[in-house]
Amino acid sequence: MLPIANRSGESIHFLDSLFTAASATCVTGLVVFDTWSQFTLFGQIVIVMLIQIGGLGFMTVAILFSMVLGKRIGLRERSLLMEAVSAMQLGGVVRLVRRVLFGTLLFETLGAVFLAVRFVPILGWQRGVWYSIFHSVSAFCNAGFDLMGYFEPYTSFVPFVNDALVSLTLMTLIVVGGIGFVIWEDFAKYRFNFRKFSLHTKITVSVTLGLIGVSTLAMMFLEWNSTLAGLPLTDKIIASMFSAITPRTAGFNTVDTASLSEGGSFLTMILMVIGAGPGSTAGGIKVTTFAVLIFAMIASLRGQEDVNVYHRRISFQQLKRAFVSTSTYLMLAFIGFLVIVGVQEVSLKAALFETLSAIGTVGLSTGITRDLVPISRVVIILLMYAGRLGSITVFMAVSERKMLRN
């Protein structure tokens, strides 16, 4: 809200500030203002810091400061960390967090270097380097905030639809940041030896690659004569892949989201619901939950009592958790959707797209975000908050009840 954060030199409304802060901290990317047009360098720094904290998770950042200060990390902190990064066991969780912090720094730095190759010649050294750092952090954390309003407000990366370097760099950062920190641990131990990976890693990696491949082909088919019309074949392939990756849950776009065909919009909404890997910077119901539900459906259709994946049986508790998680997720989205269409004049498609984007912490929008009335904005804020916290909230609530009983 500070005047120094806004180009006008005046404070903006509290609800607008809250919306922006919540969107950044929940690494969503929905905005009521174009980030570059509205906020000064100071405001942009505040936003990127919130993105970094929100992407890594509060507990991870807190442990970082504890390690820097030399403080002892207790059992409770380790338990919360294990839930925050979806670690399989308590032992070694602090070591995993160290790798997460180092890996984050490494990938964001490399991303910034690759983006600088393109941005510095176009924007000059100072602006080019800052844009490279900002978008590398935003992409890795799956946040979706951008400064492309410098070219034209609310365009995201549409001006770079023909730029393979920018698109491929952003896609790589999105996938690496969204695949899950525990996956990094398996890759660090076993490199690319798929057989030695844990079941969690096998499911996450195979489903992620499968979703990218299938949804890229589907997006190309659905948008060939729509948003992809007029592009060369290579650019169509890259743009289709970008449109397949970014809904899970990055929020950038190289084609106009509002101009997507009906089929393209529906596919995007499905991808927003699925999301990316557990314990990552992304949202959604998670690819592991999606996989468990699909395998459970297949087993049921075959008349099988057990659900088996990679020769391992999925327990009833895991099946129940996947069902409850998905049901709760969709129920919250449906309630938010009903409130928005009930309090203002907006199309059903736009309202549904916005609510799924919010609870999935995606950030893609058909353009109605800045036209939402205050009640609708509060609903979107709550959906972003719920979508980002997920199971951590339940874990901490249960822990608190146990402490009170004792």
Protein backbone atom coordinates (compact mmCIF):
# COMPACT_ATOMS: atom_id res chain seq x y z
CA MET A 1 0.00 0.00 0.00
CA LEU A 2 2.98 2.32 0.43
CA PRO A 3 3.14 5.21 -2.05
CA ILE A 4 6.76 4.25 -2.79
CA ALA A 5 5.50 0.90 -4.15
CA ASN A 6 3.18 2.49 -6.73
CA ARG A 7 4.06 4.47 -9.83
CA SER A 8 1.30 6.99 -9.10
CA GLY A 9 2.97 7.91 -5.81
CA GLU A 10 -0.32 7.27 -4.00
CA SER A 11 -1.55 4.36 -1.88
CA ILE A 12 -3.84 1.83 -3.52
CA HIS A 13 -6.93 0.34 -1.86
CA PHE A 14 -6.35 -2.14 0.97
CA LEU A 15 -8.28 -4.94 -0.77
CA ASP A 16 -6.22 -4.50 -3.95
CA SER A 17 -3.02 -4.67 -1.91
CA LEU A 18 -4.27 -7.73 -0.04
CA PHE A 19 -5.22 -9.45 -3.29
CA THR A 20 -1.76 -8.80 -4.78
CA ALA A 21 0.06 -9.93 -1.63
CA ALA A 22 -2.07 -13.07 -1.33
CA SER A 23 -1.59 -13.91 -5.01
CA ALA A 24 2.19 -13.53 -4.68
CA THR A 25 2.52 -15.45 -1.41
CA CYS A 26 0.23 -18.23 -2.67
CA VAL A 27 2.28 -18.23 -5.92
CA THR A 28 -0.85 -17.84 -8.01
CA GLY A 29 -0.38 -14.90 -10.38
CA LEU A 30 -3.92 -13.53 -10.59
CA VAL A 31 -3.67 -9.73 -10.62
CA VAL A 32 -5.96 -6.73 -10.31
CA PHE A 33 -3.24 -4.50 -11.84
CA ASP A 34 -0.65 -5.05 -14.50
CA THR A 35 2.46 -5.60 -12.37
CA TRP A 36 4.85 -3.43 -14.39
CA SER A 37 2.38 -0.60 -15.08
CA GLN A 38 1.27 -0.30 -11.44
CA PHE A 39 4.28 -1.08 -9.25
CA THR A 40 7.68 0.59 -8.95
CA LEU A 41 10.92 -1.33 -8.57
CA PHE A 42 10.34 -1.32 -4.80
CA GLY A 43 6.87 -2.84 -5.27
CA GLN A 44 8.23 -5.43 -7.69
CA ILE A 45 10.93 -6.44 -5.17
CA VAL A 46 8.26 -6.89 -2.48
CA ILE A 47 6.27 -9.10 -4.86
CA VAL A 48 9.23 -11.28 -5.88
CA MET A 49 10.23 -11.75 -2.23
CA LEU A 50 6.71 -12.91 -1.41
CA ILE A 51 6.84 -15.26 -4.39
CA GLN A 52 10.11 -16.79 -3.20
CA ILE A 53 8.85 -17.30 0.35
CA GLY A 54 5.52 -18.67 -0.86
CA GLY A 55 7.19 -20.97 -3.38
CA LEU A 56 9.64 -22.54 -0.95
CA GLY A 57 7.12 -22.62 1.89
CA PHE A 58 7.17 -20.78 5.16
CA MET A 59 8.68 -23.67 7.13
CA THR A 60 11.52 -24.09 4.64
CA VAL A 61 12.39 -20.40 4.85
CA ALA A 62 12.11 -20.49 8.65
CA ILE A 63 14.53 -23.44 8.82
CA LEU A 64 16.91 -21.55 6.52
CA PHE A 65 17.11 -18.71 9.04
CA SER A 66 17.50 -21.22 11.89
CA MET A 67 20.44 -22.84 10.11
CA VAL A 68 22.04 -19.44 9.39
CA LEU A 69 21.67 -18.45 13.07
CA GLY A 70 22.96 -21.83 14.23
CA LYS A 71 19.77 -22.71 16.13
CA ARG A 72 18.82 -26.30 16.93
CA ILE A 73 16.03 -27.74 14.76
CA GLY A 74 13.67 -29.70 17.02
CA LEU A 75 11.42 -32.70 16.38
CA ARG A 76 8.28 -30.60 15.88
CA GLU A 77 10.00 -28.41 13.28
CA ARG A 78 11.27 -31.51 11.49
CA SER A 79 7.75 -32.99 11.48
CA LEU A 80 6.30 -29.83 9.96
CA LEU A 81 9.11 -29.76 7.41
CA MET A 82 8.42 -33.36 6.44
CA GLU A 83 4.81 -32.44 5.68
CA ALA A 84 5.78 -29.19 3.92
CA VAL A 85 8.09 -30.89 1.41
CA SER A 86 6.16 -34.21 1.32
CA ALA A 87 9.19 -36.14 2.56
CA MET A 88 8.73 -39.89 3.00
CA GLN A 89 10.42 -40.05 6.41
CA LEU A 90 11.56 -37.82 9.25
CA GLY A 91 15.22 -38.79 9.05
CA GLY A 92 17.24 -36.70 6.62
CA VAL A 93 14.56 -34.04 6.19
CA VAL A 94 16.94 -31.22 7.14
CA ARG A 95 19.47 -32.50 4.59
CA LEU A 96 16.68 -32.52 2.01
CA VAL A 97 15.85 -28.91 2.83
CA ARG A 98 19.49 -27.93 2.33
CA ARG A 99 19.37 -29.55 -1.10
CA VAL A 100 16.10 -27.78 -1.86
CA LEU A 101 17.61 -24.40 -1.01
CA PHE A 102 20.78 -25.09 -3.01
CA GLY A 103 18.82 -26.49 -5.95
CA THR A 104 16.47 -23.50 -5.94
CA LEU A 105 19.40 -21.09 -6.06
CA LEU A 106 21.07 -23.12 -8.83
CA PHE A 107 18.01 -23.46 -11.08
CA GLU A 108 16.87 -19.87 -10.63
CA THR A 109 20.37 -18.59 -11.40
CA LEU A 110 20.68 -20.74 -14.53
CA GLY A 111 17.21 -19.65 -15.63
CA ALA A 112 18.11 -16.00 -15.14
CA VAL A 113 21.29 -16.46 -17.20
CA PHE A 114 19.41 -18.02 -20.13
CA LEU A 115 16.67 -15.36 -20.01
CA ALA A 116 19.32 -12.60 -19.83
CA VAL A 117 20.67 -13.76 -23.20
CA ARG A 118 17.40 -12.56 -24.70
CA PHE A 119 16.31 -9.75 -22.35
CA VAL A 120 19.58 -7.80 -22.03
CA PRO A 121 19.93 -7.04 -25.79
CA ILE A 122 16.28 -5.92 -25.89
CA LEU A 123 15.99 -4.04 -22.58
CA GLY A 124 19.56 -3.05 -21.71
CA TRP A 125 21.73 -4.32 -18.87
CA GLN A 126 19.91 -3.06 -15.77
CA ARG A 127 16.34 -3.74 -16.85
CA GLY A 128 17.35 -6.93 -18.72
CA VAL A 129 19.08 -8.47 -15.68
CA TRP A 130 16.21 -7.53 -13.35
CA TYR A 131 13.61 -8.97 -15.75
CA SER A 132 15.65 -12.18 -16.03
CA ILE A 133 15.86 -12.60 -12.24
CA PHE A 134 12.20 -11.72 -11.65
CA HIS A 135 10.82 -14.10 -14.28
CA SER A 136 13.21 -16.92 -13.34
CA VAL A 137 11.99 -16.78 -9.73
CA SER A 138 8.37 -16.42 -10.84
CA ALA A 139 8.61 -19.38 -13.24
CA PHE A 140 10.47 -21.70 -10.85
CA CYS A 141 7.98 -20.92 -8.06
CA ASN A 142 5.10 -21.42 -10.53
CA ALA A 143 3.85 -17.94 -9.63
CA GLY A 144 2.81 -16.46 -12.97
CA PHE A 145 3.66 -12.82 -12.17
CA ASP A 146 5.35 -11.04 -15.05
CA LEU A 147 6.68 -7.62 -16.04
CA MET A 148 5.72 -7.89 -19.69
CA GLY A 149 3.43 -4.89 -19.28
CA TYR A 150 6.52 -2.98 -20.37
CA PHE A 151 5.57 -4.03 -23.91
CA GLU A 152 1.79 -4.00 -23.46
CA PRO A 153 -0.33 -4.39 -20.27
CA TYR A 154 -1.66 -7.87 -19.43
CA THR A 155 0.10 -9.57 -22.36
CA SER A 156 2.22 -12.02 -20.33
CA PHE A 157 4.68 -13.69 -22.79
CA VAL A 158 2.50 -13.36 -25.89
CA PRO A 159 5.15 -11.02 -27.48
CA PHE A 160 7.65 -13.92 -27.16
CA VAL A 161 5.50 -16.65 -28.71
CA ASN A 162 8.07 -17.02 -31.51
CA ASP A 163 11.05 -17.07 -29.11
CA ALA A 164 12.09 -20.68 -28.42
CA LEU A 165 14.81 -19.72 -25.92
CA VAL A 166 12.43 -17.83 -23.62
CA SER A 167 9.66 -20.44 -23.92
CA LEU A 168 11.90 -23.46 -23.33
CA THR A 169 13.67 -21.80 -20.39
CA LEU A 170 10.38 -20.90 -18.70
CA MET A 171 8.91 -24.37 -19.34
CA THR A 172 11.97 -26.06 -17.84
CA LEU A 173 11.83 -23.89 -14.73
CA ILE A 174 8.11 -24.53 -14.33
CA VAL A 175 8.49 -28.32 -14.60
CA VAL A 176 11.55 -28.50 -12.31
CA GLY A 177 9.92 -26.29 -9.68
CA GLY A 178 6.58 -28.08 -9.94
CA ILE A 179 7.70 -31.70 -9.95
CA GLY A 180 8.33 -31.83 -6.19
CA PHE A 181 11.37 -31.48 -3.96
CA VAL A 182 11.38 -35.16 -2.92
CA ILE A 183 11.86 -36.10 -6.57
CA TRP A 184 15.09 -34.13 -6.53
CA GLU A 185 16.35 -36.40 -3.74
CA ASP A 186 15.81 -39.54 -5.82
CA PHE A 187 17.47 -38.00 -8.87
CA ALA A 188 20.42 -36.93 -6.71
CA LYS A 189 20.80 -40.49 -5.37
CA TYR A 190 20.03 -42.62 -8.41
CA ARG A 191 20.48 -40.20 -11.35
CA PHE A 192 18.24 -41.57 -14.13
CA ASN A 193 17.99 -45.19 -12.91
CA PHE A 194 14.18 -45.41 -12.98
CA ARG A 195 14.04 -48.86 -11.35
CA LYS A 196 15.61 -47.57 -8.13
CA PHE A 197 13.22 -44.65 -7.77
CA SER A 198 10.61 -44.71 -5.02
CA LEU A 199 6.99 -45.41 -5.98
CA HIS A 200 6.19 -41.74 -5.37
CA THR A 201 8.89 -40.63 -7.82
CA LYS A 202 7.92 -43.23 -10.44
CA ILE A 203 4.29 -42.13 -10.40
CA THR A 204 5.06 -38.41 -10.38
CA VAL A 205 7.63 -38.52 -13.19
CA SER A 206 5.70 -40.90 -15.47
CA VAL A 207 2.35 -39.12 -15.02
CA THR A 208 3.96 -35.70 -15.46
CA LEU A 209 5.65 -36.71 -18.72
CA GLY A 210 2.47 -38.43 -19.90
CA LEU A 211 0.33 -35.38 -19.17
CA ILE A 212 2.77 -33.06 -20.95
CA GLY A 213 2.85 -35.28 -24.04
CA VAL A 214 -0.89 -35.96 -24.29
CA SER A 215 -2.01 -32.42 -23.43
CA THR A 216 0.51 -30.91 -25.90
CA LEU A 217 -0.97 -32.98 -28.74
CA ALA A 218 -4.51 -32.22 -27.57
CA MET A 219 -3.82 -28.49 -27.32
CA MET A 220 -2.27 -28.47 -30.79
CA PHE A 221 -5.32 -30.25 -32.20
CA LEU A 222 -7.83 -27.97 -30.44
CA GLU A 223 -6.06 -24.65 -31.11
CA TRP A 224 -4.60 -25.32 -34.60
CA ASN A 225 -7.01 -22.95 -36.33
CA SER A 226 -7.59 -20.72 -33.31
CA THR A 227 -4.82 -19.22 -31.14
CA LEU A 228 -2.11 -21.09 -33.07
CA ALA A 229 -3.30 -19.95 -36.49
CA GLY A 230 -0.60 -18.22 -38.53
CA LEU A 231 2.35 -19.63 -36.55
CA PRO A 232 5.04 -21.78 -38.20
CA LEU A 233 4.93 -25.51 -37.32
CA THR A 234 7.85 -25.32 -34.86
CA ASP A 235 6.29 -22.38 -33.04
CA LYS A 236 2.93 -24.19 -32.95
CA ILE A 237 4.57 -27.17 -31.25
CA ILE A 238 6.38 -25.01 -28.67
CA ALA A 239 3.32 -22.85 -28.03
CA SER A 240 1.17 -25.97 -27.58
CA MET A 241 3.65 -27.43 -25.11
CA PHE A 242 3.77 -24.10 -23.25
CA SER A 243 -0.04 -24.08 -23.07
CA ALA A 244 0.06 -27.67 -21.79
CA ILE A 245 2.64 -27.01 -19.08
CA THR A 246 1.71 -23.60 -17.72
CA PRO A 247 -1.81 -24.50 -16.44
CA ARG A 248 -0.12 -26.90 -13.99
CA THR A 249 0.29 -24.30 -12.25
CA ALA A 250 2.44 -21.46 -13.57
CA GLY A 251 0.10 -18.83 -14.98
CA PHE A 252 2.22 -17.59 -17.89
CA ASN A 253 0.84 -17.70 -21.41
CA THR A 254 2.26 -17.19 -24.91
CA VAL A 255 -1.19 -17.19 -26.54
CA ASP A 256 -4.17 -15.09 -25.48
CA THR A 257 -6.03 -17.08 -22.79
CA ALA A 258 -9.29 -15.25 -23.43
CA SER A 259 -9.13 -16.29 -27.12
CA LEU A 260 -8.79 -20.03 -26.46
CA SER A 261 -11.36 -22.23 -28.15
CA GLU A 262 -14.05 -23.88 -26.02
CA GLY A 263 -12.11 -27.15 -26.16
CA GLY A 264 -8.83 -25.43 -25.30
CA SER A 265 -10.43 -23.65 -22.32
CA PHE A 266 -11.92 -26.90 -21.02
CA LEU A 267 -8.60 -28.75 -21.34
CA THR A 268 -6.85 -25.87 -19.54
CA MET A 269 -9.34 -26.11 -16.66
CA ILE A 270 -8.74 -29.87 -16.37
CA LEU A 271 -4.97 -29.30 -16.21
CA MET A 272 -5.46 -26.58 -13.58
CA VAL A 273 -7.35 -29.04 -11.39
CA ILE A 274 -4.67 -31.74 -11.74
CA GLY A 275 -1.75 -29.45 -10.89
CA ALA A 276 1.80 -30.71 -10.40
CA GLY A 277 3.82 -32.72 -7.87
CA PRO A 278 3.30 -32.87 -4.09
CA GLY A 279 5.70 -30.88 -1.93
CA SER A 280 6.52 -28.54 -4.80
CA THR A 281 5.96 -24.89 -5.62
CA ALA A 282 2.76 -25.78 -7.51
CA GLY A 283 -0.89 -26.37 -6.61
CA GLY A 284 -3.82 -28.46 -7.82
CA ILE A 285 -4.94 -31.84 -6.46
CA LYS A 286 -1.43 -33.11 -7.42
CA VAL A 287 -0.47 -35.63 -10.10
CA THR A 288 -0.09 -38.46 -7.56
CA THR A 289 -3.68 -37.98 -6.37
CA PHE A 290 -4.86 -37.88 -9.99
CA ALA A 291 -2.92 -41.08 -10.75
CA VAL A 292 -4.32 -42.91 -7.71
CA LEU A 293 -7.89 -41.98 -8.72
CA ILE A 294 -7.33 -43.14 -12.31
CA PHE A 295 -5.78 -46.46 -11.23
CA ALA A 296 -8.60 -46.98 -8.71
CA MET A 297 -11.16 -46.42 -11.47
CA ILE A 298 -9.40 -48.88 -13.78
CA ALA A 299 -9.21 -51.49 -11.01
CA SER A 300 -12.91 -51.02 -10.26
CA LEU A 301 -13.89 -51.42 -13.92
CA ARG A 302 -11.86 -54.64 -14.07
CA GLY A 303 -13.54 -55.94 -10.92
CA GLN A 304 -10.28 -55.95 -8.95
CA GLU A 305 -10.33 -55.30 -5.20
CA ASP A 306 -6.70 -54.15 -4.96
CA VAL A 307 -5.23 -51.12 -6.70
CA ASN A 308 -1.69 -51.86 -7.89
CA VAL A 309 0.82 -49.44 -9.39
CA TYR A 310 4.30 -50.57 -10.50
CA HIS A 311 3.72 -53.90 -8.68
CA ARG A 312 2.94 -52.08 -5.44
CA ARG A 313 -0.43 -52.09 -3.70
CA ILE A 314 -2.05 -48.75 -2.90
CA SER A 315 -3.45 -48.85 0.63
CA PHE A 316 -7.07 -48.04 1.47
CA GLN A 317 -5.91 -45.02 3.51
CA GLN A 318 -4.15 -43.56 0.47
CA LEU A 319 -7.24 -44.13 -1.67
CA LYS A 320 -9.46 -42.49 0.94
CA ARG A 321 -7.11 -39.53 1.26
CA ALA A 322 -7.05 -39.04 -2.52
CA PHE A 323 -10.85 -39.13 -2.69
CA VAL A 324 -11.34 -36.75 0.26
CA SER A 325 -8.68 -34.35 -1.03
CA THR A 326 -10.21 -34.19 -4.51
CA SER A 327 -13.78 -33.91 -3.21
CA THR A 328 -12.88 -31.07 -0.85
CA TYR A 329 -10.93 -29.29 -3.58
CA LEU A 330 -13.82 -29.44 -6.04
CA MET A 331 -16.39 -28.52 -3.39
CA LEU A 332 -14.47 -25.34 -2.48
CA ALA A 333 -14.12 -24.43 -6.15
CA PHE A 334 -17.84 -25.01 -6.72
CA ILE A 335 -18.83 -22.85 -3.72
CA GLY A 336 -16.53 -20.05 -4.90
CA PHE A 337 -17.97 -20.31 -8.39
CA LEU A 338 -21.56 -20.04 -7.09
CA VAL A 339 -20.73 -16.97 -4.99
CA ILE A 340 -19.09 -15.15 -7.91
CA VAL A 341 -21.90 -15.80 -10.39
CA GLY A 342 -24.41 -14.93 -7.67
CA VAL A 343 -23.06 -11.49 -6.78
CA GLN A 344 -22.18 -10.09 -10.20
CA GLU A 345 -22.86 -10.34 -13.92
CA VAL A 346 -20.20 -12.65 -15.35
CA SER A 347 -20.27 -15.59 -17.75
CA LEU A 348 -20.33 -19.08 -16.26
CA LYS A 349 -17.22 -20.08 -18.21
CA ALA A 350 -15.20 -17.06 -17.03
CA ALA A 351 -16.28 -17.53 -13.40
CA LEU A 352 -15.44 -21.25 -13.42
CA PHE A 353 -12.10 -20.59 -15.11
CA GLU A 354 -11.26 -17.93 -12.49
CA THR A 355 -12.18 -20.08 -9.48
CA LEU A 356 -10.23 -23.11 -10.73
CA SER A 357 -7.27 -20.88 -11.50
CA ALA A 358 -7.40 -19.45 -7.98
CA ILE A 359 -7.72 -22.68 -5.99
CA GLY A 360 -5.19 -24.34 -8.29
CA THR A 361 -2.81 -21.39 -7.67
CA VAL A 362 -2.40 -21.13 -11.44
CA GLY A 363 -2.91 -17.47 -12.30
CA LEU A 364 -4.34 -17.83 -15.79
CA SER A 365 -7.34 -15.59 -16.38
CA THR A 366 -9.79 -14.72 -19.11
CA GLY A 367 -9.44 -11.09 -18.02
CA ILE A 368 -12.22 -10.72 -15.43
CA THR A 369 -9.95 -10.47 -12.36
CA ARG A 370 -9.70 -6.68 -12.43
CA ASP A 371 -13.51 -6.40 -12.91
CA LEU A 372 -14.47 -8.48 -9.87
CA VAL A 373 -16.53 -6.81 -7.13
CA PRO A 374 -15.10 -6.77 -3.57
CA ILE A 375 -16.98 -9.91 -2.43
CA SER A 376 -15.72 -11.85 -5.45
CA ARG A 377 -12.16 -10.69 -4.78
CA VAL A 378 -12.39 -11.90 -1.18
CA VAL A 379 -13.62 -15.27 -2.45
CA ILE A 380 -10.68 -15.51 -4.87
CA ILE A 381 -8.24 -14.59 -2.06
CA LEU A 382 -9.67 -17.35 0.16
CA LEU A 383 -9.48 -19.87 -2.69
CA MET A 384 -5.84 -18.98 -3.39
CA TYR A 385 -5.06 -19.33 0.31
CA ALA A 386 -6.81 -22.71 0.60
CA GLY A 387 -5.20 -23.96 -2.61
CA ARG A 388 -1.70 -23.12 -1.46
CA LEU A 389 -1.88 -24.42 2.12
CA GLY A 390 -3.56 -27.75 1.34
CA SER A 391 -2.75 -30.60 3.70
CA ILE A 392 -0.35 -28.52 5.82
CA THR A 393 -3.33 -26.73 7.39
CA VAL A 394 -4.98 -30.03 8.35
CA PHE A 395 -1.71 -31.36 9.76
CA MET A 396 -1.11 -28.32 11.96
CA ALA A 397 -4.76 -28.22 13.10
CA VAL A 398 -4.62 -31.88 14.20
CA SER A 399 -1.30 -31.30 15.98
CA GLU A 400 -2.77 -28.31 17.83
CA ARG A 401 -5.78 -30.34 19.02
CA LYS A 402 -3.52 -33.07 20.36
CA MET A 403 -1.46 -30.50 22.27
CA LEU A 404 -4.60 -28.97 23.78
CA ARG A 405 -5.83 -32.40 24.94
CA ASN A 406 -2.50 -33.09 26.62
